[in-house]
Amino acid sequence: MRISIIGSGNVATHLGKAFYHSGHEIADICSPSPGHARALASLVNARALTQPSALRKDIDLCLIAVKDDVIEQLASALDFRETVVAHTAGSISMQTLSGSSPYYGVFYPFQTFSAFREPDISRVPFCLEANRQQALERLRELAESIGGKIVEVDSPGRKTLHLAAVFASNFTNHLYALAGELIREKGLPFDIMRSLILETAEKAVNADPFTAQTGPAVRNDQKVIREHLHQLEGQPALKQLYSLLSASILNSHKKPNI
């Protein structure tokens, strides 16, 4: 497949390399930052561009992998006839691309991507949606070629998945960072948390997270909860967050609120 990618960030980089190493031709990498465009283009033997209007027309797929708030603007600059145009966003409707090509869709990798870590693409679910069967088949072929797991999801379902991902990944990671700050204040290394984090994640993956819930809130251990809140007296934002999360756990497990 001949592919052009708009974007040069984490998603564009990891998918671009996965496509390239799976035998696809990467025609163009387009990014407003010339340096970023050249850096990714050099990894996938592509041409580096800064303007979407300069993209080759004789391609099978144009993949938009950029921040959500610029997708609509970029889509309005595209005018393809036979090329499938797809974006990788979780929260943006497929219809945003309706003026870009008669064939359009979504190629949403349900995964977190970072510059410092290579993801195992074979474990990534790709949430696909397209306006026509021909476009869907092309997206499906691409996902299969890099070993991804395929899930057909419409725009409302994908938006809910994106929201759920914020809870399961983004918020959770932020809580790791907050926990790290708490223990570092006492001279303790974050490394001591790693076994706990891994065990919690393993239980969430291999069992039902609701059933696997532990801690003072699920036990309704008011004495421990009060002690923790007392420890957080000098940190009102953390105290409020602790109270909200504890109340949520208590409510979910049908226990009296704190």
C-alpha atoms as a PDB file:
ATOM      1  CA  MET A   1       0.000   0.000   0.000  1.00  0.00           C
ATOM      2  CA  ARG A   2       1.219   3.526  -0.745  1.00  0.00           C
ATOM      3  CA  ILE A   3       0.629   5.793   2.251  1.00  0.00           C
ATOM      4  CA  SER A   4       1.152   9.433   3.152  1.00  0.00           C
ATOM      5  CA  ILE A   5       1.035  10.584   6.769  1.00  0.00           C
ATOM      6  CA  ILE A   6       0.108  14.023   8.042  1.00  0.00           C
ATOM      7  CA  GLY A   7       1.762  14.442  11.408  1.00  0.00           C
ATOM      8  CA  SER A   8       5.127  13.718  12.977  1.00  0.00           C
ATOM      9  CA  GLY A   9       4.315  13.112  16.646  1.00  0.00           C
ATOM     10  CA  ASN A  10       4.245   9.892  18.641  1.00  0.00           C
ATOM     11  CA  VAL A  11       1.271   8.273  16.879  1.00  0.00           C
ATOM     12  CA  ALA A  12       2.501   9.233  13.409  1.00  0.00           C
ATOM     13  CA  THR A  13       6.017   8.032  14.199  1.00  0.00           C
ATOM     14  CA  HIS A  14       5.109   4.632  15.657  1.00  0.00           C
ATOM     15  CA  LEU A  15       2.489   3.866  13.005  1.00  0.00           C
ATOM     16  CA  GLY A  16       4.712   5.139  10.203  1.00  0.00           C
ATOM     17  CA  LYS A  17       7.539   2.857  11.271  1.00  0.00           C
ATOM     18  CA  ALA A  18       5.144  -0.075  11.664  1.00  0.00           C
ATOM     19  CA  PHE A  19       3.771   0.460   8.150  1.00  0.00           C
ATOM     20  CA  TYR A  20       7.235   0.835   6.660  1.00  0.00           C
ATOM     21  CA  HIS A  21       8.644  -2.262   8.335  1.00  0.00           C
ATOM     22  CA  SER A  22       5.596  -4.244   7.200  1.00  0.00           C
ATOM     23  CA  GLY A  23       6.418  -3.533   3.571  1.00  0.00           C
ATOM     24  CA  HIS A  24       4.264  -0.510   2.812  1.00  0.00           C
ATOM     25  CA  GLU A  25       5.628   2.461   0.902  1.00  0.00           C
ATOM     26  CA  ILE A  26       5.510   5.744   2.789  1.00  0.00           C
ATOM     27  CA  ALA A  27       5.266   8.414   0.108  1.00  0.00           C
ATOM     28  CA  ASP A  28       5.103  11.648   2.122  1.00  0.00           C
ATOM     29  CA  ILE A  29       5.416  12.858   5.687  1.00  0.00           C
ATOM     30  CA  CYS A  30       3.725  16.213   6.176  1.00  0.00           C
ATOM     31  CA  SER A  31       4.261  18.377   9.261  1.00  0.00           C
ATOM     32  CA  PRO A  32       4.295  22.151   9.842  1.00  0.00           C
ATOM     33  CA  SER A  33       7.697  21.646  11.484  1.00  0.00           C
ATOM     34  CA  PRO A  34      10.266  21.036   8.719  1.00  0.00           C
ATOM     35  CA  GLY A  35      12.695  19.435  11.165  1.00  0.00           C
ATOM     36  CA  HIS A  36      10.111  17.007  12.527  1.00  0.00           C
ATOM     37  CA  ALA A  37       8.938  16.137   9.020  1.00  0.00           C
ATOM     38  CA  ARG A  38      12.502  15.390   7.905  1.00  0.00           C
ATOM     39  CA  ALA A  39      13.246  13.341  11.030  1.00  0.00           C
ATOM     40  CA  LEU A  40      10.316  10.980  10.509  1.00  0.00           C
ATOM     41  CA  ALA A  41      10.708  10.923   6.725  1.00  0.00           C
ATOM     42  CA  SER A  42      14.314   9.778   7.134  1.00  0.00           C
ATOM     43  CA  LEU A  43      13.128   6.781   9.178  1.00  0.00           C
ATOM     44  CA  VAL A  44      10.634   5.596   6.566  1.00  0.00           C
ATOM     45  CA  ASN A  45      12.357   6.659   3.335  1.00  0.00           C
ATOM     46  CA  ALA A  46       9.709   9.254   2.524  1.00  0.00           C
ATOM     47  CA  ARG A  47       9.543  12.790   1.178  1.00  0.00           C
ATOM     48  CA  ALA A  48       9.223  15.518   3.838  1.00  0.00           C
ATOM     49  CA  LEU A  49       6.611  18.239   3.313  1.00  0.00           C
ATOM     50  CA  THR A  50       5.172  21.134   5.292  1.00  0.00           C
ATOM     51  CA  GLN A  51       2.015  21.789   3.233  1.00  0.00           C
ATOM     52  CA  PRO A  52      -0.833  19.232   2.812  1.00  0.00           C
ATOM     53  CA  SER A  53      -1.587  20.676  -0.624  1.00  0.00           C
ATOM     54  CA  ALA A  54       1.749  19.256  -1.822  1.00  0.00           C
ATOM     55  CA  LEU A  55       0.859  15.650  -0.981  1.00  0.00           C
ATOM     56  CA  ARG A  56       1.028  13.166  -3.837  1.00  0.00           C
ATOM     57  CA  LYS A  57      -2.362  12.237  -5.262  1.00  0.00           C
ATOM     58  CA  ASP A  58      -1.418   8.729  -6.406  1.00  0.00           C
ATOM     59  CA  ILE A  59      -1.586   7.137  -2.956  1.00  0.00           C
ATOM     60  CA  ASP A  60      -3.868   4.526  -1.424  1.00  0.00           C
ATOM     61  CA  LEU A  61      -4.234   6.143   1.982  1.00  0.00           C
ATOM     62  CA  CYS A  62      -3.699   9.530   3.584  1.00  0.00           C
ATOM     63  CA  LEU A  63      -3.517   9.144   7.357  1.00  0.00           C
ATOM     64  CA  ILE A  64      -4.025  12.217   9.545  1.00  0.00           C
ATOM     65  CA  ALA A  65      -2.264  11.653  12.878  1.00  0.00           C
ATOM     66  CA  VAL A  66      -2.278  15.049  14.574  1.00  0.00           C
ATOM     67  CA  LYS A  67      -3.851  16.809  17.564  1.00  0.00           C
ATOM     68  CA  ASP A  68      -7.638  16.631  17.553  1.00  0.00           C
ATOM     69  CA  ASP A  69      -8.134  20.376  17.339  1.00  0.00           C
ATOM     70  CA  VAL A  70      -6.401  20.760  13.958  1.00  0.00           C
ATOM     71  CA  ILE A  71      -7.927  17.791  12.124  1.00  0.00           C
ATOM     72  CA  GLU A  72     -10.846  19.745  10.700  1.00  0.00           C
ATOM     73  CA  GLN A  73      -8.579  22.494   9.366  1.00  0.00           C
ATOM     74  CA  LEU A  74      -6.223  19.980   7.753  1.00  0.00           C
ATOM     75  CA  ALA A  75      -9.106  17.992   6.272  1.00  0.00           C
ATOM     76  CA  SER A  76     -10.444  21.095   4.564  1.00  0.00           C
ATOM     77  CA  ALA A  77      -7.141  21.430   2.674  1.00  0.00           C
ATOM     78  CA  LEU A  78      -7.357  17.920   1.181  1.00  0.00           C
ATOM     79  CA  ASP A  79      -9.024  17.030  -2.095  1.00  0.00           C
ATOM     80  CA  PHE A  80      -8.595  13.390  -3.095  1.00  0.00           C
ATOM     81  CA  ARG A  81     -10.650  11.362  -5.555  1.00  0.00           C
ATOM     82  CA  GLU A  82      -9.619   7.721  -5.099  1.00  0.00           C
ATOM     83  CA  THR A  83      -7.505   7.912  -1.948  1.00  0.00           C
ATOM     84  CA  VAL A  84      -8.907   6.845   1.417  1.00  0.00           C
ATOM     85  CA  VAL A  85      -8.479   9.623   3.984  1.00  0.00           C
ATOM     86  CA  ALA A  86      -8.544   8.567   7.637  1.00  0.00           C
ATOM     87  CA  HIS A  87      -7.685  10.117  10.986  1.00  0.00           C
ATOM     88  CA  THR A  88      -6.387   8.447  14.153  1.00  0.00           C
ATOM     89  CA  ALA A  89      -8.364  10.433  16.737  1.00  0.00           C
ATOM     90  CA  GLY A  90     -10.628   8.931  19.349  1.00  0.00           C
ATOM     91  CA  SER A  91     -12.928  11.900  19.891  1.00  0.00           C
ATOM     92  CA  ILE A  92     -13.395  13.315  16.377  1.00  0.00           C
ATOM     93  CA  SER A  93     -16.301  12.270  14.144  1.00  0.00           C
ATOM     94  CA  MET A  94     -15.573  10.471  10.899  1.00  0.00           C
ATOM     95  CA  GLN A  95     -17.756  13.050   9.133  1.00  0.00           C
ATOM     96  CA  THR A  96     -15.066  15.685   9.692  1.00  0.00           C
ATOM     97  CA  LEU A  97     -13.304  14.123   6.686  1.00  0.00           C
ATOM     98  CA  SER A  98     -16.340  14.041   4.380  1.00  0.00           C
ATOM     99  CA  GLY A  99     -15.031  16.852   2.168  1.00  0.00           C
ATOM    100  CA  SER A 100     -11.542  15.370   1.827  1.00  0.00           C
ATOM    101  CA  SER A 101     -12.389  12.365  -0.335  1.00  0.00           C
ATOM    102  CA  PRO A 102     -15.344  10.201  -1.396  1.00  0.00           C
ATOM    103  CA  TYR A 103     -13.667   7.513   0.749  1.00  0.00           C
ATOM    104  CA  TYR A 104     -12.944   8.355   4.359  1.00  0.00           C
ATOM    105  CA  GLY A 105     -12.788   6.759   7.774  1.00  0.00           C
ATOM    106  CA  VAL A 106     -11.077   6.333  11.120  1.00  0.00           C
ATOM    107  CA  PHE A 107      -7.998   4.302  12.014  1.00  0.00           C
ATOM    108  CA  TYR A 108      -7.904   4.733  15.798  1.00  0.00           C
ATOM    109  CA  PRO A 109      -5.219   2.813  17.699  1.00  0.00           C
ATOM    110  CA  PHE A 110      -6.559   2.220  21.193  1.00  0.00           C
ATOM    111  CA  GLN A 111      -3.197   2.600  22.885  1.00  0.00           C
ATOM    112  CA  THR A 112      -0.990   5.167  24.571  1.00  0.00           C
ATOM    113  CA  PHE A 113       2.138   6.131  22.611  1.00  0.00           C
ATOM    114  CA  SER A 114       5.327   7.734  23.953  1.00  0.00           C
ATOM    115  CA  ALA A 115       8.522   8.770  22.210  1.00  0.00           C
ATOM    116  CA  PHE A 116      10.762   6.778  24.578  1.00  0.00           C
ATOM    117  CA  ARG A 117       8.986   3.419  24.273  1.00  0.00           C
ATOM    118  CA  GLU A 118       8.301   1.113  21.318  1.00  0.00           C
ATOM    119  CA  PRO A 119       4.782  -0.320  21.575  1.00  0.00           C
ATOM    120  CA  ASP A 120       3.944  -3.917  20.710  1.00  0.00           C
ATOM    121  CA  ILE A 121       1.643  -3.209  17.770  1.00  0.00           C
ATOM    122  CA  SER A 122       0.383  -6.799  17.750  1.00  0.00           C
ATOM    123  CA  ARG A 123      -1.366  -6.100  21.068  1.00  0.00           C
ATOM    124  CA  VAL A 124      -3.034  -2.881  19.907  1.00  0.00           C
ATOM    125  CA  PRO A 125      -6.758  -2.863  19.058  1.00  0.00           C
ATOM    126  CA  PHE A 126      -7.434  -0.730  15.980  1.00  0.00           C
ATOM    127  CA  CYS A 127     -10.900   0.780  16.025  1.00  0.00           C
ATOM    128  CA  LEU A 128     -12.045   1.137  12.424  1.00  0.00           C
ATOM    129  CA  GLU A 129     -14.896   3.027  10.837  1.00  0.00           C
ATOM    130  CA  ALA A 130     -15.489   4.074   7.228  1.00  0.00           C
ATOM    131  CA  ASN A 131     -18.211   5.597   5.088  1.00  0.00           C
ATOM    132  CA  ARG A 132     -17.920   2.906   2.397  1.00  0.00           C
ATOM    133  CA  GLN A 133     -17.089  -0.781   2.409  1.00  0.00           C
ATOM    134  CA  GLN A 134     -14.157  -0.205   0.039  1.00  0.00           C
ATOM    135  CA  ALA A 135     -12.603   2.260   2.471  1.00  0.00           C
ATOM    136  CA  LEU A 136     -13.224  -0.063   5.420  1.00  0.00           C
ATOM    137  CA  GLU A 137     -11.536  -2.958   3.631  1.00  0.00           C
ATOM    138  CA  ARG A 138      -8.473  -0.841   2.940  1.00  0.00           C
ATOM    139  CA  LEU A 139      -8.209   0.168   6.592  1.00  0.00           C
ATOM    140  CA  ARG A 140      -8.749  -3.429   7.654  1.00  0.00           C
ATOM    141  CA  GLU A 141      -6.010  -4.617   5.284  1.00  0.00           C
ATOM    142  CA  LEU A 142      -3.607  -2.062   6.747  1.00  0.00           C
ATOM    143  CA  ALA A 143      -4.343  -3.013  10.366  1.00  0.00           C
ATOM    144  CA  GLU A 144      -3.971  -6.718   9.572  1.00  0.00           C
ATOM    145  CA  SER A 145      -0.654  -6.119   7.810  1.00  0.00           C
ATOM    146  CA  ILE A 146       0.944  -4.759  10.980  1.00  0.00           C
ATOM    147  CA  GLY A 147      -0.570  -7.446  13.212  1.00  0.00           C
ATOM    148  CA  GLY A 148      -3.127  -5.262  14.945  1.00  0.00           C
ATOM    149  CA  LYS A 149      -6.399  -6.432  16.429  1.00  0.00           C
ATOM    150  CA  ILE A 150      -9.401  -5.122  14.502  1.00  0.00           C
ATOM    151  CA  VAL A 151     -12.576  -3.768  16.074  1.00  0.00           C
ATOM    152  CA  GLU A 152     -15.292  -2.006  14.076  1.00  0.00           C
ATOM    153  CA  VAL A 153     -16.603   0.894  16.166  1.00  0.00           C
ATOM    154  CA  ASP A 154     -18.866   3.766  15.137  1.00  0.00           C
ATOM    155  CA  SER A 155     -18.123   7.386  16.110  1.00  0.00           C
ATOM    156  CA  PRO A 156     -20.303   7.477  19.289  1.00  0.00           C
ATOM    157  CA  GLY A 157     -18.792   4.209  20.513  1.00  0.00           C
ATOM    158  CA  ARG A 158     -15.278   5.412  19.757  1.00  0.00           C
ATOM    159  CA  LYS A 159     -15.872   8.639  21.682  1.00  0.00           C
ATOM    160  CA  THR A 160     -16.918   6.589  24.694  1.00  0.00           C
ATOM    161  CA  LEU A 161     -13.807   4.419  24.317  1.00  0.00           C
ATOM    162  CA  HIS A 162     -11.692   7.565  24.250  1.00  0.00           C
ATOM    163  CA  LEU A 163     -13.352   8.820  27.430  1.00  0.00           C
ATOM    164  CA  ALA A 164     -12.821   5.444  29.105  1.00  0.00           C
ATOM    165  CA  ALA A 165      -9.165   5.515  28.065  1.00  0.00           C
ATOM    166  CA  VAL A 166      -8.677   8.823  29.869  1.00  0.00           C
ATOM    167  CA  PHE A 167      -9.864   7.172  33.090  1.00  0.00           C
ATOM    168  CA  ALA A 168      -7.958   3.915  32.568  1.00  0.00           C
ATOM    169  CA  SER A 169      -4.692   5.360  31.290  1.00  0.00           C
ATOM    170  CA  ASN A 170      -4.259   9.129  31.603  1.00  0.00           C
ATOM    171  CA  PHE A 171      -5.795   9.599  35.044  1.00  0.00           C
ATOM    172  CA  THR A 172      -4.185   6.416  36.344  1.00  0.00           C
ATOM    173  CA  ASN A 173      -0.750   7.546  35.206  1.00  0.00           C
ATOM    174  CA  HIS A 174      -1.317  10.925  36.858  1.00  0.00           C
ATOM    175  CA  LEU A 175      -2.117   9.127  40.114  1.00  0.00           C
ATOM    176  CA  TYR A 176       1.176   7.228  39.792  1.00  0.00           C
ATOM    177  CA  ALA A 177       2.950  10.582  39.517  1.00  0.00           C
ATOM    178  CA  LEU A 178       1.144  11.945  42.580  1.00  0.00           C
ATOM    179  CA  ALA A 179       2.009   8.813  44.570  1.00  0.00           C
ATOM    180  CA  GLY A 180       5.630   9.241  43.521  1.00  0.00           C
ATOM    181  CA  GLU A 181       5.676  12.809  44.808  1.00  0.00           C
ATOM    182  CA  LEU A 182       4.284  11.699  48.174  1.00  0.00           C
ATOM    183  CA  ILE A 183       6.945   9.081  48.810  1.00  0.00           C
ATOM    184  CA  ARG A 184       9.834  11.129  47.416  1.00  0.00           C
ATOM    185  CA  GLU A 185       9.010  13.782  50.031  1.00  0.00           C
ATOM    186  CA  LYS A 186       9.998  11.123  52.591  1.00  0.00           C
ATOM    187  CA  GLY A 187      13.160  10.177  50.722  1.00  0.00           C
ATOM    188  CA  LEU A 188      11.732   6.967  49.277  1.00  0.00           C
ATOM    189  CA  PRO A 189      12.397   5.909  45.665  1.00  0.00           C
ATOM    190  CA  PHE A 190       9.588   5.437  43.145  1.00  0.00           C
ATOM    191  CA  ASP A 191      11.022   2.012  42.362  1.00  0.00           C
ATOM    192  CA  ILE A 192       9.388   0.671  45.515  1.00  0.00           C
ATOM    193  CA  MET A 193       5.996   1.252  43.836  1.00  0.00           C
ATOM    194  CA  ARG A 194       6.692  -0.808  40.719  1.00  0.00           C
ATOM    195  CA  SER A 195       5.673  -4.230  42.050  1.00  0.00           C
ATOM    196  CA  LEU A 196       2.403  -2.810  43.386  1.00  0.00           C
ATOM    197  CA  ILE A 197       1.613  -1.074  40.087  1.00  0.00           C
ATOM    198  CA  LEU A 198       2.340  -4.203  38.046  1.00  0.00           C
ATOM    199  CA  GLU A 199       0.285  -6.461  40.322  1.00  0.00           C
ATOM    200  CA  THR A 200      -2.665  -4.058  40.214  1.00  0.00           C
ATOM    201  CA  ALA A 201      -2.503  -3.902  36.430  1.00  0.00           C
ATOM    202  CA  GLU A 202      -2.232  -7.690  36.142  1.00  0.00           C
ATOM    203  CA  LYS A 203      -5.322  -8.159  38.300  1.00  0.00           C
ATOM    204  CA  ALA A 204      -7.243  -5.590  36.270  1.00  0.00           C
ATOM    205  CA  VAL A 205      -6.346  -7.396  33.036  1.00  0.00           C
ATOM    206  CA  ASN A 206      -6.856 -10.955  34.247  1.00  0.00           C
ATOM    207  CA  ALA A 207      -9.849 -10.425  36.520  1.00  0.00           C
ATOM    208  CA  ASP A 208     -12.744  -8.024  36.931  1.00  0.00           C
ATOM    209  CA  PRO A 209     -11.419  -4.673  38.245  1.00  0.00           C
ATOM    210  CA  PHE A 210     -14.518  -4.229  40.380  1.00  0.00           C
ATOM    211  CA  THR A 211     -13.947  -7.568  42.116  1.00  0.00           C
ATOM    212  CA  ALA A 212     -10.198  -6.922  42.424  1.00  0.00           C
ATOM    213  CA  GLN A 213     -10.665  -3.603  44.244  1.00  0.00           C
ATOM    214  CA  THR A 214      -8.747  -3.403  47.529  1.00  0.00           C
ATOM    215  CA  GLY A 215      -7.934  -0.670  50.027  1.00  0.00           C
ATOM    216  CA  PRO A 216      -9.553   1.154  52.934  1.00  0.00           C
ATOM    217  CA  ALA A 217     -12.466   2.592  50.933  1.00  0.00           C
ATOM    218  CA  VAL A 218     -13.777  -0.769  49.714  1.00  0.00           C
ATOM    219  CA  ARG A 219     -13.504  -2.055  53.300  1.00  0.00           C
ATOM    220  CA  ASN A 220     -15.190   1.121  54.572  1.00  0.00           C
ATOM    221  CA  ASP A 221     -12.296   1.472  57.002  1.00  0.00           C
ATOM    222  CA  GLN A 222     -13.132   4.926  58.324  1.00  0.00           C
ATOM    223  CA  LYS A 223     -10.248   4.997  60.804  1.00  0.00           C
ATOM    224  CA  VAL A 224      -7.632   4.584  58.048  1.00  0.00           C
ATOM    225  CA  ILE A 225      -9.450   7.010  55.755  1.00  0.00           C
ATOM    226  CA  ARG A 226      -9.491   9.697  58.466  1.00  0.00           C
ATOM    227  CA  GLU A 227      -5.782   9.143  59.135  1.00  0.00           C
ATOM    228  CA  HIS A 228      -4.951   9.503  55.445  1.00  0.00           C
ATOM    229  CA  LEU A 229      -6.999  12.698  55.200  1.00  0.00           C
ATOM    230  CA  HIS A 230      -5.159  14.039  58.254  1.00  0.00           C
ATOM    231  CA  GLN A 231      -1.825  13.303  56.537  1.00  0.00           C
ATOM    232  CA  LEU A 232      -2.993  15.388  53.589  1.00  0.00           C
ATOM    233  CA  GLU A 233      -3.985  18.438  55.660  1.00  0.00           C
ATOM    234  CA  GLY A 234      -1.319  20.609  54.076  1.00  0.00           C
ATOM    235  CA  GLN A 235      -2.233  19.530  50.541  1.00  0.00           C
ATOM    236  CA  PRO A 236      -5.880  20.518  49.941  1.00  0.00           C
ATOM    237  CA  ALA A 237      -5.951  19.438  46.277  1.00  0.00           C
ATOM    238  CA  LEU A 238      -4.730  15.932  47.131  1.00  0.00           C
ATOM    239  CA  LYS A 239      -7.058  15.759  50.124  1.00  0.00           C
ATOM    240  CA  GLN A 240     -10.027  16.608  47.915  1.00  0.00           C
ATOM    241  CA  LEU A 241      -8.950  14.065  45.294  1.00  0.00           C
ATOM    242  CA  TYR A 242      -8.534  11.359  47.962  1.00  0.00           C
ATOM    243  CA  SER A 243     -12.019  12.126  49.290  1.00  0.00           C
ATOM    244  CA  LEU A 244     -13.628  12.050  45.847  1.00  0.00           C
ATOM    245  CA  LEU A 245     -12.019   8.749  44.866  1.00  0.00           C
ATOM    246  CA  SER A 246     -12.797   7.149  48.212  1.00  0.00           C
ATOM    247  CA  ALA A 247     -16.422   8.269  47.949  1.00  0.00           C
ATOM    248  CA  SER A 248     -16.623   6.849  44.434  1.00  0.00           C
ATOM    249  CA  ILE A 249     -15.321   3.460  45.600  1.00  0.00           C
ATOM    250  CA  LEU A 250     -17.683   3.441  48.570  1.00  0.00           C
ATOM    251  CA  ASN A 251     -20.620   4.326  46.356  1.00  0.00           C
ATOM    252  CA  SER A 252     -19.693   1.746  43.698  1.00  0.00           C
ATOM    253  CA  HIS A 253     -19.513  -0.980  46.319  1.00  0.00           C
ATOM    254  CA  LYS A 254     -22.775   0.174  47.923  1.00  0.00           C
ATOM    255  CA  LYS A 255     -21.210   1.305  51.164  1.00  0.00           C
ATOM    256  CA  PRO A 256     -22.119   4.503  53.055  1.00  0.00           C
ATOM    257  CA  ASN A 257     -20.338   7.621  51.833  1.00  0.00           C
ATOM    258  CA  ILE A 258     -17.577   9.159  53.923  1.00  0.00           C
END
